[in-house]
């Protein structure tokens, strides 16, 4: 029988070890990067430009480095200005906000997804966090124009 053992040092004080009778051992790093996404309240009109804010929190025991976030719409119905944002470093328990300007290009419900990435501790373990939010862009209503012609 083949036994595989893997050890991962998550922080200076935390080491995870796994042993398995298989040839692959999966080491699970606990969630250390929490992400929330806040779109504007209410519905939007076609052509509106609005701000979406993301909050990134280090919920782990060690410093996060190279924190970045990318906002991606689910369709061509929304356009994001500068989708990639850098947030620097976060100490344990620290949060930061990132914002994006988004334009409504098509009516309907559209989902925005944010993925935050960082490296954990001196070992530079890659970590990610994600969040989604939906915005509603209203269908334009038809306008009726009434014209009265007078003859002289």
N, C-alpha and C. Protein backbone atom coordinates (compact mmCIF):
# COMPACT_ATOMS: atom_id res chain seq x y z
N UNK A 1 0.85 -1.18 0.00
CA UNK A 1 0.00 0.00 0.00
C UNK A 1 0.89 1.23 0.00
N UNK A 2 0.48 2.24 -0.78
CA UNK A 2 1.19 3.51 -0.85
C UNK A 2 0.52 4.48 0.11
N UNK A 3 1.33 5.15 0.91
CA UNK A 3 0.82 6.17 1.81
C UNK A 3 1.48 7.49 1.45
N UNK A 4 0.66 8.51 1.30
CA UNK A 4 1.19 9.85 0.99
C UNK A 4 0.97 10.73 2.20
N UNK A 5 1.97 11.57 2.49
CA UNK A 5 1.84 12.51 3.59
C UNK A 5 2.26 13.88 3.09
N UNK A 6 1.48 14.88 3.46
CA UNK A 6 1.80 16.25 3.07
C UNK A 6 1.68 17.14 4.28
N UNK A 7 2.57 18.11 4.35
CA UNK A 7 2.53 19.09 5.43
C UNK A 7 2.57 20.46 4.80
N UNK A 8 1.67 21.32 5.26
CA UNK A 8 1.64 22.70 4.77
C UNK A 8 1.71 23.62 5.97
N UNK A 9 2.61 24.55 5.92
CA UNK A 9 2.71 25.53 7.00
C UNK A 9 1.91 26.75 6.58
N UNK A 10 0.76 26.97 7.23
CA UNK A 10 -0.14 28.06 6.89
C UNK A 10 0.37 29.36 7.51
N UNK A 11 0.78 29.32 8.75
CA UNK A 11 1.40 30.47 9.41
C UNK A 11 2.53 29.93 10.26
N UNK A 12 3.23 30.81 10.93
CA UNK A 12 4.34 30.39 11.78
C UNK A 12 3.86 29.42 12.86
N UNK A 13 2.64 29.60 13.35
CA UNK A 13 2.13 28.80 14.45
C UNK A 13 1.16 27.69 14.02
N UNK A 14 0.81 27.63 12.74
CA UNK A 14 -0.19 26.66 12.29
C UNK A 14 0.38 25.79 11.18
N UNK A 15 0.41 24.49 11.42
CA UNK A 15 0.85 23.55 10.41
C UNK A 15 -0.26 22.52 10.21
N UNK A 16 -0.56 22.21 8.96
CA UNK A 16 -1.59 21.23 8.63
C UNK A 16 -0.89 20.02 8.02
N UNK A 17 -1.18 18.84 8.56
CA UNK A 17 -0.57 17.60 8.05
C UNK A 17 -1.69 16.63 7.69
N UNK A 18 -1.51 15.95 6.59
CA UNK A 18 -2.50 14.96 6.18
C UNK A 18 -1.81 13.69 5.72
N UNK A 19 -2.38 12.54 6.05
CA UNK A 19 -1.86 11.25 5.60
C UNK A 19 -3.01 10.52 4.94
N UNK A 20 -2.70 9.85 3.84
CA UNK A 20 -3.75 9.17 3.11
C UNK A 20 -3.19 7.92 2.47
N UNK A 21 -4.02 6.87 2.32
CA UNK A 21 -3.57 5.69 1.61
C UNK A 21 -3.55 5.90 0.10
N UNK A 22 -3.91 7.09 -0.34
CA UNK A 22 -3.91 7.39 -1.77
C UNK A 22 -2.59 8.05 -2.14
N UNK A 23 -2.45 8.38 -3.41
CA UNK A 23 -1.23 9.05 -3.87
C UNK A 23 -1.38 10.57 -3.87
N UNK A 24 -2.55 11.06 -3.51
CA UNK A 24 -2.78 12.50 -3.49
C UNK A 24 -3.33 12.89 -2.12
N UNK A 25 -2.78 13.92 -1.54
CA UNK A 25 -3.27 14.45 -0.28
C UNK A 25 -3.70 15.88 -0.53
N UNK A 26 -4.91 16.21 -0.13
CA UNK A 26 -5.41 17.56 -0.30
C UNK A 26 -5.29 18.30 1.03
N UNK A 27 -4.62 19.43 1.00
CA UNK A 27 -4.48 20.26 2.18
C UNK A 27 -5.44 21.43 2.03
N UNK A 28 -6.35 21.58 2.99
CA UNK A 28 -7.35 22.64 2.93
C UNK A 28 -6.88 23.81 3.79
N UNK A 29 -6.78 24.98 3.17
CA UNK A 29 -6.43 26.19 3.89
C UNK A 29 -7.74 26.85 4.31
N UNK A 30 -7.90 27.17 5.60
CA UNK A 30 -9.15 27.78 6.04
C UNK A 30 -9.39 29.12 5.35
N UNK A 31 -10.67 29.50 5.26
CA UNK A 31 -11.00 30.77 4.60
C UNK A 31 -10.40 31.92 5.39
N UNK A 32 -9.63 32.75 4.71
CA UNK A 32 -9.01 33.90 5.37
C UNK A 32 -9.31 35.21 4.64
N UNK A 33 -10.03 35.11 3.54
CA UNK A 33 -10.33 36.29 2.73
C UNK A 33 -11.84 36.38 2.52
N UNK A 34 -12.50 37.25 3.28
CA UNK A 34 -13.95 37.42 3.17
C UNK A 34 -14.25 38.61 2.27
N UNK A 35 -15.23 38.45 1.39
CA UNK A 35 -15.56 39.49 0.41
C UNK A 35 -17.07 39.73 0.42
N UNK A 36 -17.46 41.01 0.41
CA UNK A 36 -18.86 41.37 0.22
C UNK A 36 -18.94 42.38 -0.92
N UNK A 37 -20.09 42.45 -1.56
CA UNK A 37 -20.28 43.33 -2.71
C UNK A 37 -21.58 44.09 -2.53
N UNK A 38 -21.54 45.43 -2.66
CA UNK A 38 -22.72 46.26 -2.43
C UNK A 38 -23.05 47.07 -3.69
N UNK A 39 -24.09 46.65 -4.43
CA UNK A 39 -24.54 47.44 -5.58
C UNK A 39 -25.44 48.57 -5.08
N UNK A 40 -25.82 49.49 -5.95
CA UNK A 40 -26.73 50.55 -5.51
C UNK A 40 -28.11 50.00 -5.20
N UNK A 41 -28.84 50.70 -4.33
CA UNK A 41 -30.21 50.31 -4.01
C UNK A 41 -31.14 50.72 -5.15
N UNK A 42 -32.21 49.96 -5.33
CA UNK A 42 -33.22 50.32 -6.33
C UNK A 42 -32.84 49.90 -7.73
N UNK A 43 -33.70 50.25 -8.67
CA UNK A 43 -33.45 49.88 -10.07
C UNK A 43 -32.71 51.01 -10.77
N UNK A 44 -32.16 50.65 -11.90
CA UNK A 44 -31.34 51.58 -12.69
C UNK A 44 -31.97 51.79 -14.05
N UNK A 45 -31.69 52.94 -14.63
CA UNK A 45 -32.15 53.23 -15.99
C UNK A 45 -31.04 52.94 -16.97
N UNK A 46 -31.42 52.66 -18.18
CA UNK A 46 -30.48 52.43 -19.26
C UNK A 46 -29.55 53.63 -19.38
N UNK A 47 -28.25 53.40 -19.44
CA UNK A 47 -27.28 54.48 -19.55
C UNK A 47 -26.75 54.99 -18.22
N UNK A 48 -27.39 54.63 -17.11
CA UNK A 48 -26.91 55.08 -15.79
C UNK A 48 -25.49 54.59 -15.53
N UNK A 49 -24.71 55.45 -14.89
CA UNK A 49 -23.40 55.07 -14.38
C UNK A 49 -23.54 55.03 -12.85
N UNK A 50 -23.12 53.94 -12.25
CA UNK A 50 -23.30 53.76 -10.80
C UNK A 50 -22.05 53.15 -10.20
N UNK A 51 -21.96 53.23 -8.88
CA UNK A 51 -20.80 52.72 -8.15
C UNK A 51 -21.15 51.42 -7.44
N UNK A 52 -20.27 50.45 -7.55
CA UNK A 52 -20.36 49.19 -6.83
C UNK A 52 -19.16 49.14 -5.89
N UNK A 53 -19.41 48.84 -4.61
CA UNK A 53 -18.34 48.82 -3.61
C UNK A 53 -18.17 47.41 -3.07
N UNK A 54 -16.92 46.99 -3.00
CA UNK A 54 -16.59 45.70 -2.41
C UNK A 54 -15.80 45.91 -1.13
N UNK A 55 -16.07 45.08 -0.14
CA UNK A 55 -15.30 45.10 1.10
C UNK A 55 -14.54 43.79 1.23
N UNK A 56 -13.24 43.90 1.45
CA UNK A 56 -12.37 42.73 1.57
C UNK A 56 -11.84 42.72 3.00
N UNK A 57 -11.99 41.58 3.68
CA UNK A 57 -11.57 41.47 5.08
C UNK A 57 -10.63 40.28 5.25
N UNK A 58 -9.55 40.50 5.98
CA UNK A 58 -8.64 39.43 6.35
C UNK A 58 -9.18 38.79 7.62
N UNK A 59 -9.75 37.59 7.50
CA UNK A 59 -10.32 36.89 8.65
C UNK A 59 -9.35 35.85 9.22
N UNK A 60 -8.15 35.85 8.68
CA UNK A 60 -7.17 34.86 9.12
C UNK A 60 -6.20 35.37 10.17
N UNK A 61 -5.23 34.51 10.54
CA UNK A 61 -4.29 34.82 11.61
C UNK A 61 -3.01 35.50 11.14
N UNK A 62 -2.84 35.69 9.84
CA UNK A 62 -1.59 36.25 9.33
C UNK A 62 -1.87 37.35 8.31
N UNK A 63 -0.86 38.14 8.02
CA UNK A 63 -0.96 39.24 7.07
C UNK A 63 -1.22 38.71 5.66
N UNK A 64 -2.11 39.40 4.93
CA UNK A 64 -2.35 39.10 3.52
C UNK A 64 -1.61 40.15 2.69
N UNK A 65 -0.90 39.69 1.69
CA UNK A 65 -0.15 40.59 0.81
C UNK A 65 -0.73 40.56 -0.59
N UNK A 66 -0.46 41.59 -1.34
CA UNK A 66 -0.87 41.68 -2.75
C UNK A 66 -2.38 41.45 -2.92
N UNK A 67 -3.18 42.08 -2.07
CA UNK A 67 -4.64 41.93 -2.16
C UNK A 67 -5.12 42.67 -3.40
N UNK A 68 -5.91 42.01 -4.21
CA UNK A 68 -6.46 42.60 -5.43
C UNK A 68 -7.87 42.07 -5.63
N UNK A 69 -8.66 42.79 -6.41
CA UNK A 69 -10.03 42.37 -6.68
C UNK A 69 -10.39 42.68 -8.12
N UNK A 70 -11.14 41.78 -8.75
CA UNK A 70 -11.60 41.95 -10.13
C UNK A 70 -13.11 41.81 -10.16
N UNK A 71 -13.78 42.82 -10.75
CA UNK A 71 -15.24 42.80 -10.90
C UNK A 71 -15.58 42.42 -12.33
N UNK A 72 -16.45 41.40 -12.48
CA UNK A 72 -16.80 40.88 -13.79
C UNK A 72 -18.32 40.82 -13.92
N UNK A 73 -18.90 41.45 -14.98
CA UNK A 73 -20.34 41.30 -15.23
C UNK A 73 -20.62 39.98 -15.92
N UNK A 74 -21.87 39.49 -15.79
CA UNK A 74 -22.24 38.22 -16.41
C UNK A 74 -22.58 38.34 -17.89
N UNK A 75 -22.66 39.57 -18.40
CA UNK A 75 -23.05 39.75 -19.80
C UNK A 75 -22.54 41.10 -20.29
N UNK A 76 -22.87 41.40 -21.57
CA UNK A 76 -22.52 42.70 -22.14
C UNK A 76 -23.49 43.79 -21.71
N UNK A 77 -24.43 43.47 -20.82
CA UNK A 77 -25.41 44.45 -20.36
C UNK A 77 -24.85 45.48 -19.41
N UNK A 78 -23.65 45.22 -18.86
CA UNK A 78 -22.98 46.16 -17.97
C UNK A 78 -21.53 46.32 -18.42
N UNK A 79 -21.02 47.52 -18.30
CA UNK A 79 -19.61 47.79 -18.62
C UNK A 79 -18.92 48.31 -17.36
N UNK A 80 -17.81 47.67 -17.00
CA UNK A 80 -17.07 48.04 -15.80
C UNK A 80 -15.83 48.83 -16.20
N UNK A 81 -15.67 50.02 -15.61
CA UNK A 81 -14.47 50.82 -15.82
C UNK A 81 -13.40 50.32 -14.85
N UNK A 82 -12.22 50.04 -15.35
CA UNK A 82 -11.11 49.54 -14.54
C UNK A 82 -11.54 48.36 -13.65
N UNK A 83 -11.80 47.20 -14.24
CA UNK A 83 -12.30 46.06 -13.46
C UNK A 83 -11.30 45.52 -12.43
N UNK A 84 -9.99 45.73 -12.66
CA UNK A 84 -8.97 45.22 -11.74
C UNK A 84 -8.54 46.31 -10.78
N UNK A 85 -8.68 46.05 -9.48
CA UNK A 85 -8.30 47.01 -8.44
C UNK A 85 -7.29 46.36 -7.49
N UNK A 86 -6.30 47.13 -7.09
CA UNK A 86 -5.33 46.65 -6.10
C UNK A 86 -5.67 47.26 -4.74
N UNK A 87 -5.52 46.46 -3.69
CA UNK A 87 -5.88 46.93 -2.35
C UNK A 87 -4.72 46.88 -1.36
N UNK A 88 -3.53 46.49 -1.80
CA UNK A 88 -2.37 46.49 -0.92
C UNK A 88 -2.32 45.28 -0.01
N UNK A 89 -1.95 45.51 1.27
CA UNK A 89 -1.80 44.45 2.26
C UNK A 89 -2.85 44.62 3.35
N UNK A 90 -3.23 43.51 3.97
CA UNK A 90 -4.20 43.54 5.07
C UNK A 90 -3.68 42.73 6.25
N UNK A 91 -3.64 43.36 7.41
CA UNK A 91 -3.28 42.65 8.64
C UNK A 91 -4.49 41.85 9.13
N UNK A 92 -4.30 40.89 10.03
CA UNK A 92 -5.43 40.11 10.54
C UNK A 92 -6.51 41.02 11.12
N UNK A 93 -7.76 40.76 10.72
CA UNK A 93 -8.90 41.56 11.19
C UNK A 93 -9.12 42.86 10.44
N UNK A 94 -8.22 43.24 9.57
CA UNK A 94 -8.32 44.50 8.83
C UNK A 94 -9.18 44.34 7.58
N UNK A 95 -9.91 45.42 7.23
CA UNK A 95 -10.74 45.45 6.03
C UNK A 95 -10.35 46.64 5.17
N UNK A 96 -10.68 46.54 3.90
CA UNK A 96 -10.50 47.66 2.99
C UNK A 96 -11.65 47.64 1.98
N UNK A 97 -11.93 48.80 1.40
CA UNK A 97 -12.98 48.90 0.37
C UNK A 97 -12.35 49.20 -0.98
N UNK A 98 -12.94 48.63 -2.01
CA UNK A 98 -12.59 48.95 -3.39
C UNK A 98 -13.88 49.30 -4.11
N UNK A 99 -13.79 50.20 -5.08
CA UNK A 99 -15.00 50.65 -5.80
C UNK A 99 -14.77 50.59 -7.30
N UNK A 100 -15.88 50.37 -8.00
CA UNK A 100 -15.87 50.34 -9.46
C UNK A 100 -17.00 51.21 -9.98
N UNK A 101 -16.77 51.83 -11.12
CA UNK A 101 -17.82 52.54 -11.85
C UNK A 101 -18.34 51.58 -12.91
N UNK A 102 -19.67 51.46 -12.97
CA UNK A 102 -20.31 50.52 -13.89
C UNK A 102 -21.39 51.28 -14.66
N UNK A 103 -21.51 50.99 -15.96
CA UNK A 103 -22.56 51.62 -16.77
C UNK A 103 -23.55 50.56 -17.22
N UNK A 104 -24.85 50.91 -17.12
CA UNK A 104 -25.94 50.03 -17.55
C UNK A 104 -26.13 50.18 -19.06
N UNK A 105 -25.89 49.10 -19.81
CA UNK A 105 -25.97 49.15 -21.28
C UNK A 105 -27.19 48.44 -21.85
N UNK A 106 -27.74 47.48 -21.11
CA UNK A 106 -28.91 46.73 -21.59
C UNK A 106 -29.88 46.51 -20.43
N UNK A 107 -31.18 46.52 -20.72
CA UNK A 107 -32.16 46.28 -19.66
C UNK A 107 -32.12 44.82 -19.19
N UNK A 108 -32.63 44.61 -17.97
CA UNK A 108 -32.73 43.27 -17.42
C UNK A 108 -31.96 43.13 -16.13
N UNK A 109 -31.99 41.91 -15.58
CA UNK A 109 -31.24 41.59 -14.36
C UNK A 109 -29.84 41.15 -14.76
N UNK A 110 -28.85 41.73 -14.12
CA UNK A 110 -27.45 41.43 -14.42
C UNK A 110 -26.70 41.12 -13.12
N UNK A 111 -25.87 40.10 -13.17
CA UNK A 111 -25.08 39.71 -12.00
C UNK A 111 -23.65 40.20 -12.16
N UNK A 112 -23.15 40.80 -11.08
CA UNK A 112 -21.75 41.20 -11.00
C UNK A 112 -21.06 40.26 -10.03
N UNK A 113 -19.87 39.79 -10.40
CA UNK A 113 -19.10 38.90 -9.54
C UNK A 113 -17.75 39.52 -9.25
N UNK A 114 -17.34 39.46 -7.99
CA UNK A 114 -16.01 39.94 -7.62
C UNK A 114 -15.20 38.75 -7.12
N UNK A 115 -13.95 38.70 -7.56
CA UNK A 115 -13.01 37.71 -7.04
C UNK A 115 -11.83 38.47 -6.47
N UNK A 116 -11.58 38.26 -5.18
CA UNK A 116 -10.43 38.86 -4.51
C UNK A 116 -9.35 37.80 -4.38
N UNK A 117 -8.11 38.22 -4.55
CA UNK A 117 -6.97 37.31 -4.41
C UNK A 117 -5.93 37.95 -3.51
N UNK A 118 -5.11 37.11 -2.89
CA UNK A 118 -4.02 37.59 -2.04
C UNK A 118 -3.06 36.44 -1.80
N UNK A 119 -1.94 36.75 -1.17
CA UNK A 119 -1.04 35.70 -0.70
C UNK A 119 -0.98 35.79 0.82
N UNK A 120 -0.90 34.60 1.45
CA UNK A 120 -0.98 34.50 2.90
C UNK A 120 0.39 34.22 3.49
N UNK A 121 0.82 35.08 4.41
CA UNK A 121 2.03 34.86 5.18
C UNK A 121 3.30 34.82 4.36
N UNK A 122 4.38 34.50 5.05
CA UNK A 122 5.70 34.45 4.38
C UNK A 122 5.77 33.33 3.35
N UNK A 123 4.91 32.33 3.54
CA UNK A 123 4.91 31.21 2.60
C UNK A 123 4.23 31.54 1.29
N UNK A 124 3.54 32.70 1.25
CA UNK A 124 2.85 33.19 0.05
C UNK A 124 1.83 32.19 -0.49
N UNK A 125 1.05 31.62 0.40
CA UNK A 125 -0.01 30.69 0.02
C UNK A 125 -1.10 31.50 -0.68
N UNK A 126 -1.47 31.15 -1.93
CA UNK A 126 -2.53 31.91 -2.61
C UNK A 126 -3.89 31.64 -1.99
N UNK A 127 -4.67 32.70 -1.77
CA UNK A 127 -6.02 32.59 -1.23
C UNK A 127 -6.96 33.43 -2.08
N UNK A 128 -8.23 33.02 -2.12
CA UNK A 128 -9.24 33.76 -2.88
C UNK A 128 -10.53 33.87 -2.08
N UNK A 129 -11.34 34.85 -2.45
CA UNK A 129 -12.68 35.02 -1.91
C UNK A 129 -13.56 35.58 -3.00
N UNK A 130 -14.83 35.23 -3.00
CA UNK A 130 -15.74 35.70 -4.04
C UNK A 130 -17.06 36.18 -3.46
N UNK A 131 -17.73 37.01 -4.23
CA UNK A 131 -19.07 37.47 -3.87
C UNK A 131 -19.80 37.87 -5.16
N UNK A 132 -21.13 37.81 -5.14
CA UNK A 132 -21.97 38.19 -6.28
C UNK A 132 -23.05 39.17 -5.83
N UNK A 133 -23.51 39.97 -6.78
CA UNK A 133 -24.64 40.88 -6.53
C UNK A 133 -25.39 41.04 -7.85
N UNK A 134 -26.69 41.27 -7.75
CA UNK A 134 -27.51 41.45 -8.94
C UNK A 134 -28.08 42.86 -8.96
N UNK A 135 -28.06 43.48 -10.15
CA UNK A 135 -28.67 44.79 -10.35
C UNK A 135 -29.75 44.66 -11.41
N UNK A 136 -30.77 45.49 -11.31
CA UNK A 136 -31.88 45.49 -12.26
C UNK A 136 -31.85 46.79 -13.06
N UNK A 137 -31.76 46.65 -14.39
CA UNK A 137 -31.81 47.80 -15.29
C UNK A 137 -33.18 47.79 -15.95
N UNK A 138 -33.91 48.88 -15.76
CA UNK A 138 -35.27 48.96 -16.27
C UNK A 138 -35.31 49.07 -17.79
N UNK A 139 -36.35 48.46 -18.36
CA UNK A 139 -36.64 48.58 -19.79
C UNK A 139 -37.14 50.00 -20.04
N UNK A 140 -36.60 50.71 -21.03
CA UNK A 140 -37.12 52.05 -21.31
C UNK A 140 -38.59 51.97 -21.73
N UNK A 141 -39.36 52.95 -21.31
CA UNK A 141 -40.77 53.00 -21.69
C UNK A 141 -40.92 53.84 -22.95
N UNK A 142 -41.89 53.47 -23.75
CA UNK A 142 -42.15 54.21 -24.99
C UNK A 142 -42.79 55.55 -24.64
N UNK A 143 -42.39 56.56 -25.35
CA UNK A 143 -42.95 57.90 -25.15
C UNK A 143 -43.85 58.22 -26.33
N UNK A 144 -45.03 58.72 -26.03
CA UNK A 144 -45.97 59.11 -27.08
C UNK A 144 -45.88 60.61 -27.26
N UNK A 145 -45.71 61.01 -28.50
CA UNK A 145 -45.63 62.42 -28.81
C UNK A 145 -46.89 62.80 -29.57
N UNK A 146 -47.59 63.78 -29.07
CA UNK A 146 -48.81 64.24 -29.70
C UNK A 146 -48.54 65.60 -30.34
N UNK A 147 -48.87 65.71 -31.61
CA UNK A 147 -48.66 66.96 -32.34
C UNK A 147 -49.98 67.42 -32.92
N UNK A 148 -50.30 68.67 -32.70
CA UNK A 148 -51.51 69.24 -33.29
C UNK A 148 -51.07 70.29 -34.30
N UNK A 149 -51.56 70.16 -35.52
CA UNK A 149 -51.22 71.13 -36.57
C UNK A 149 -52.39 72.10 -36.75
N UNK A 150 -52.08 73.32 -36.81
CA UNK A 150 -53.12 74.33 -37.05
C UNK A 150 -52.91 74.89 -38.43
N UNK A 151 -53.99 75.08 -39.15
CA UNK A 151 -53.91 75.68 -40.50
C UNK A 151 -54.37 77.12 -40.44
N UNK A 152 -53.78 77.95 -41.26
CA UNK A 152 -54.24 79.34 -41.29
C UNK A 152 -54.72 79.72 -42.65
